[in-house]
């Protein structure tokens, strides 16, 4: 987008708004990841379908979806 001469470009979303949206999302993602990894490393925890090491890779590298997938489908209640 080309700005008019003499006017500064003003994005629709400023830095404060972006920060206000991203900080809670990042906090939720980190919290879910810590919870899933803590649950995964408990000795008495049984998992479904995949080895614990593969679940750990899924939790760490697939962002916010990885911990949710593990918590919903990877845990086996004993």
N, C-alpha and C. Protein backbone atom coordinates (compact mmCIF):
# COMPACT_ATOMS: atom_id res chain seq x y z
N UNK A 1 0.85 -1.16 0.00
CA UNK A 1 0.00 0.00 0.00
C UNK A 1 0.89 1.23 0.00
N UNK A 2 0.55 2.18 -0.83
CA UNK A 2 1.34 3.40 -0.96
C UNK A 2 0.73 4.48 -0.09
N UNK A 3 1.57 5.09 0.73
CA UNK A 3 1.09 6.16 1.60
C UNK A 3 1.09 7.48 0.83
N UNK A 4 0.18 8.34 1.19
CA UNK A 4 0.14 9.66 0.58
C UNK A 4 1.37 10.44 1.03
N UNK A 5 1.76 11.36 0.22
CA UNK A 5 2.92 12.19 0.54
C UNK A 5 2.61 13.01 1.79
N UNK A 6 3.50 12.98 2.74
CA UNK A 6 3.31 13.74 3.96
C UNK A 6 2.55 13.00 5.05
N UNK A 7 1.99 11.81 4.76
CA UNK A 7 1.26 11.04 5.78
C UNK A 7 2.01 9.75 6.05
N UNK A 8 2.13 9.42 7.29
CA UNK A 8 2.79 8.17 7.66
C UNK A 8 1.81 7.03 7.51
N UNK A 9 2.34 5.88 7.14
CA UNK A 9 1.50 4.68 7.03
C UNK A 9 1.10 4.21 8.42
N UNK A 10 -0.16 3.97 8.63
CA UNK A 10 -0.67 3.52 9.92
C UNK A 10 -1.33 2.16 9.74
N UNK A 11 -0.73 1.10 10.28
CA UNK A 11 -1.34 -0.22 10.12
C UNK A 11 -2.65 -0.31 10.89
N UNK A 12 -3.50 -1.23 10.45
CA UNK A 12 -4.80 -1.39 11.10
C UNK A 12 -4.65 -1.90 12.53
N UNK A 13 -3.64 -2.72 12.76
CA UNK A 13 -3.39 -3.26 14.10
C UNK A 13 -2.07 -2.70 14.59
N UNK A 14 -2.09 -2.03 15.71
CA UNK A 14 -0.83 -1.49 16.23
C UNK A 14 -0.13 -2.51 17.12
N UNK A 15 1.06 -2.19 17.54
CA UNK A 15 1.87 -3.12 18.32
C UNK A 15 1.23 -3.49 19.65
N UNK A 16 0.59 -2.56 20.31
CA UNK A 16 -0.03 -2.84 21.61
C UNK A 16 -1.18 -3.84 21.47
N UNK A 17 -1.96 -3.68 20.42
CA UNK A 17 -3.08 -4.60 20.18
C UNK A 17 -2.55 -5.99 19.87
N UNK A 18 -1.55 -6.06 19.02
CA UNK A 18 -0.96 -7.35 18.67
C UNK A 18 -0.38 -8.04 19.89
N UNK A 19 0.30 -7.29 20.73
CA UNK A 19 0.87 -7.84 21.95
C UNK A 19 -0.22 -8.32 22.90
N UNK A 20 -1.30 -7.56 23.01
CA UNK A 20 -2.41 -7.94 23.89
C UNK A 20 -3.09 -9.22 23.43
N UNK A 21 -3.05 -9.49 22.15
CA UNK A 21 -3.65 -10.73 21.62
C UNK A 21 -2.68 -11.89 21.73
N UNK A 22 -1.42 -11.66 21.42
CA UNK A 22 -0.45 -12.75 21.38
C UNK A 22 0.00 -13.25 22.75
N UNK A 23 0.13 -12.38 23.74
CA UNK A 23 0.61 -12.83 25.05
C UNK A 23 -0.27 -13.90 25.68
N UNK A 24 -1.59 -13.76 25.71
CA UNK A 24 -2.40 -14.85 26.27
C UNK A 24 -2.30 -16.14 25.47
N UNK A 25 -2.20 -16.04 24.16
CA UNK A 25 -2.08 -17.24 23.32
C UNK A 25 -0.76 -17.95 23.61
N UNK A 26 0.31 -17.19 23.73
CA UNK A 26 1.61 -17.77 24.04
C UNK A 26 1.61 -18.39 25.43
N UNK A 27 0.99 -17.74 26.39
CA UNK A 27 0.92 -18.28 27.76
C UNK A 27 0.12 -19.59 27.77
N UNK A 28 -0.98 -19.64 27.04
CA UNK A 28 -1.78 -20.87 26.97
C UNK A 28 -0.97 -21.98 26.30
N UNK A 29 -0.27 -21.66 25.22
CA UNK A 29 0.53 -22.67 24.54
C UNK A 29 1.62 -23.24 25.44
N UNK A 30 2.33 -22.38 26.15
CA UNK A 30 3.39 -22.84 27.04
C UNK A 30 2.81 -23.65 28.19
N UNK A 31 1.69 -23.19 28.75
CA UNK A 31 1.05 -23.94 29.83
C UNK A 31 0.59 -25.32 29.40
N UNK A 32 -0.03 -25.42 28.23
CA UNK A 32 -0.45 -26.72 27.72
C UNK A 32 0.74 -27.64 27.45
N UNK A 33 1.82 -27.07 26.92
CA UNK A 33 3.00 -27.86 26.64
C UNK A 33 3.62 -28.39 27.93
N UNK A 34 3.73 -27.55 28.96
CA UNK A 34 4.29 -27.99 30.24
C UNK A 34 3.40 -29.07 30.86
N UNK A 35 2.10 -28.86 30.83
CA UNK A 35 1.17 -29.85 31.40
C UNK A 35 1.28 -31.18 30.66
N UNK A 36 1.29 -31.15 29.34
CA UNK A 36 1.36 -32.39 28.55
C UNK A 36 2.69 -33.11 28.78
N UNK A 37 3.80 -32.36 28.81
CA UNK A 37 5.10 -33.00 29.04
C UNK A 37 5.20 -33.55 30.45
N UNK A 38 4.67 -32.84 31.43
CA UNK A 38 4.68 -33.35 32.80
C UNK A 38 3.87 -34.64 32.88
N UNK A 39 2.70 -34.64 32.27
CA UNK A 39 1.85 -35.82 32.28
C UNK A 39 2.52 -36.99 31.55
N UNK A 40 3.18 -36.68 30.44
CA UNK A 40 3.84 -37.69 29.63
C UNK A 40 5.01 -38.34 30.36
N UNK A 41 5.71 -37.58 31.20
CA UNK A 41 6.90 -38.11 31.87
C UNK A 41 6.59 -38.85 33.16
N UNK A 42 5.35 -38.83 33.59
CA UNK A 42 5.01 -39.60 34.80
C UNK A 42 5.19 -41.08 34.54
N UNK A 43 5.85 -41.82 35.43
CA UNK A 43 6.12 -43.24 35.18
C UNK A 43 4.86 -44.09 35.06
N UNK A 44 3.82 -43.74 35.79
CA UNK A 44 2.61 -44.56 35.76
C UNK A 44 1.69 -44.24 34.59
N UNK A 45 2.02 -43.23 33.78
CA UNK A 45 1.17 -42.83 32.66
C UNK A 45 1.36 -43.78 31.48
N UNK A 46 0.28 -44.38 31.02
CA UNK A 46 0.29 -45.20 29.82
C UNK A 46 -0.22 -44.35 28.65
N UNK A 47 0.35 -44.57 27.48
CA UNK A 47 -0.05 -43.80 26.31
C UNK A 47 -0.62 -44.74 25.25
N UNK A 48 -1.42 -44.16 24.35
CA UNK A 48 -2.03 -44.94 23.27
C UNK A 48 -1.34 -44.67 21.94
N UNK A 49 -1.21 -45.72 21.15
CA UNK A 49 -0.83 -45.58 19.75
C UNK A 49 0.64 -45.38 19.45
N UNK A 50 1.30 -44.50 20.13
CA UNK A 50 2.69 -44.16 19.83
C UNK A 50 3.55 -44.25 21.09
N UNK A 51 4.85 -44.44 20.93
CA UNK A 51 5.75 -44.41 22.11
C UNK A 51 5.78 -43.01 22.73
N UNK A 52 6.16 -42.95 24.00
CA UNK A 52 6.22 -41.68 24.71
C UNK A 52 7.15 -40.67 24.02
N UNK A 53 8.26 -41.14 23.47
CA UNK A 53 9.19 -40.22 22.80
C UNK A 53 8.55 -39.55 21.60
N UNK A 54 7.75 -40.27 20.85
CA UNK A 54 7.08 -39.69 19.69
C UNK A 54 6.03 -38.68 20.15
N UNK A 55 5.30 -39.01 21.22
CA UNK A 55 4.32 -38.06 21.76
C UNK A 55 5.03 -36.79 22.23
N UNK A 56 6.22 -36.92 22.83
CA UNK A 56 6.96 -35.74 23.27
C UNK A 56 7.34 -34.86 22.08
N UNK A 57 7.76 -35.45 20.98
CA UNK A 57 8.09 -34.68 19.78
C UNK A 57 6.84 -33.97 19.25
N UNK A 58 5.71 -34.65 19.24
CA UNK A 58 4.45 -34.05 18.79
C UNK A 58 4.09 -32.86 19.68
N UNK A 59 4.19 -33.04 20.98
CA UNK A 59 3.85 -31.97 21.92
C UNK A 59 4.75 -30.76 21.73
N UNK A 60 6.04 -30.98 21.51
CA UNK A 60 6.99 -29.87 21.42
C UNK A 60 6.93 -29.16 20.08
N UNK A 61 6.82 -29.92 18.99
CA UNK A 61 7.00 -29.32 17.68
C UNK A 61 5.72 -28.98 16.91
N UNK A 62 4.56 -29.35 17.40
CA UNK A 62 3.34 -29.04 16.65
C UNK A 62 2.57 -27.91 17.33
N UNK A 63 3.26 -27.07 18.04
CA UNK A 63 2.64 -25.86 18.58
C UNK A 63 1.50 -26.13 19.53
N UNK A 64 0.47 -25.33 19.47
CA UNK A 64 -0.64 -25.42 20.41
C UNK A 64 -1.50 -26.66 20.16
N UNK A 65 -1.47 -27.19 18.94
CA UNK A 65 -2.29 -28.35 18.59
C UNK A 65 -1.68 -29.64 19.17
N UNK A 66 -0.35 -29.74 19.22
CA UNK A 66 0.31 -30.95 19.70
C UNK A 66 -0.09 -31.35 21.11
N UNK A 67 0.00 -30.44 22.09
CA UNK A 67 -0.43 -30.80 23.44
C UNK A 67 -1.91 -31.17 23.52
N UNK A 68 -2.74 -30.48 22.75
CA UNK A 68 -4.18 -30.79 22.76
C UNK A 68 -4.41 -32.19 22.20
N UNK A 69 -3.73 -32.55 21.11
CA UNK A 69 -3.86 -33.89 20.53
C UNK A 69 -3.44 -34.94 21.55
N UNK A 70 -2.30 -34.71 22.21
CA UNK A 70 -1.85 -35.68 23.22
C UNK A 70 -2.85 -35.81 24.36
N UNK A 71 -3.30 -34.68 24.90
CA UNK A 71 -4.20 -34.72 26.05
C UNK A 71 -5.54 -35.36 25.71
N UNK A 72 -6.00 -35.20 24.49
CA UNK A 72 -7.29 -35.79 24.10
C UNK A 72 -7.18 -37.24 23.64
N UNK A 73 -6.14 -37.56 22.87
CA UNK A 73 -6.07 -38.88 22.23
C UNK A 73 -4.90 -39.74 22.67
N UNK A 74 -3.84 -39.18 23.24
CA UNK A 74 -2.66 -39.95 23.56
C UNK A 74 -2.65 -40.58 24.93
N UNK A 75 -3.41 -40.01 25.86
CA UNK A 75 -3.41 -40.52 27.24
C UNK A 75 -4.31 -41.74 27.34
N UNK A 76 -3.85 -42.69 28.08
CA UNK A 76 -4.67 -43.87 28.37
C UNK A 76 -4.92 -43.92 29.86
N UNK A 77 -6.16 -43.82 30.24
CA UNK A 77 -6.50 -43.85 31.67
C UNK A 77 -6.28 -45.25 32.21
N UNK A 78 -5.61 -45.32 33.36
CA UNK A 78 -5.33 -46.64 33.98
C UNK A 78 -6.21 -46.87 35.16
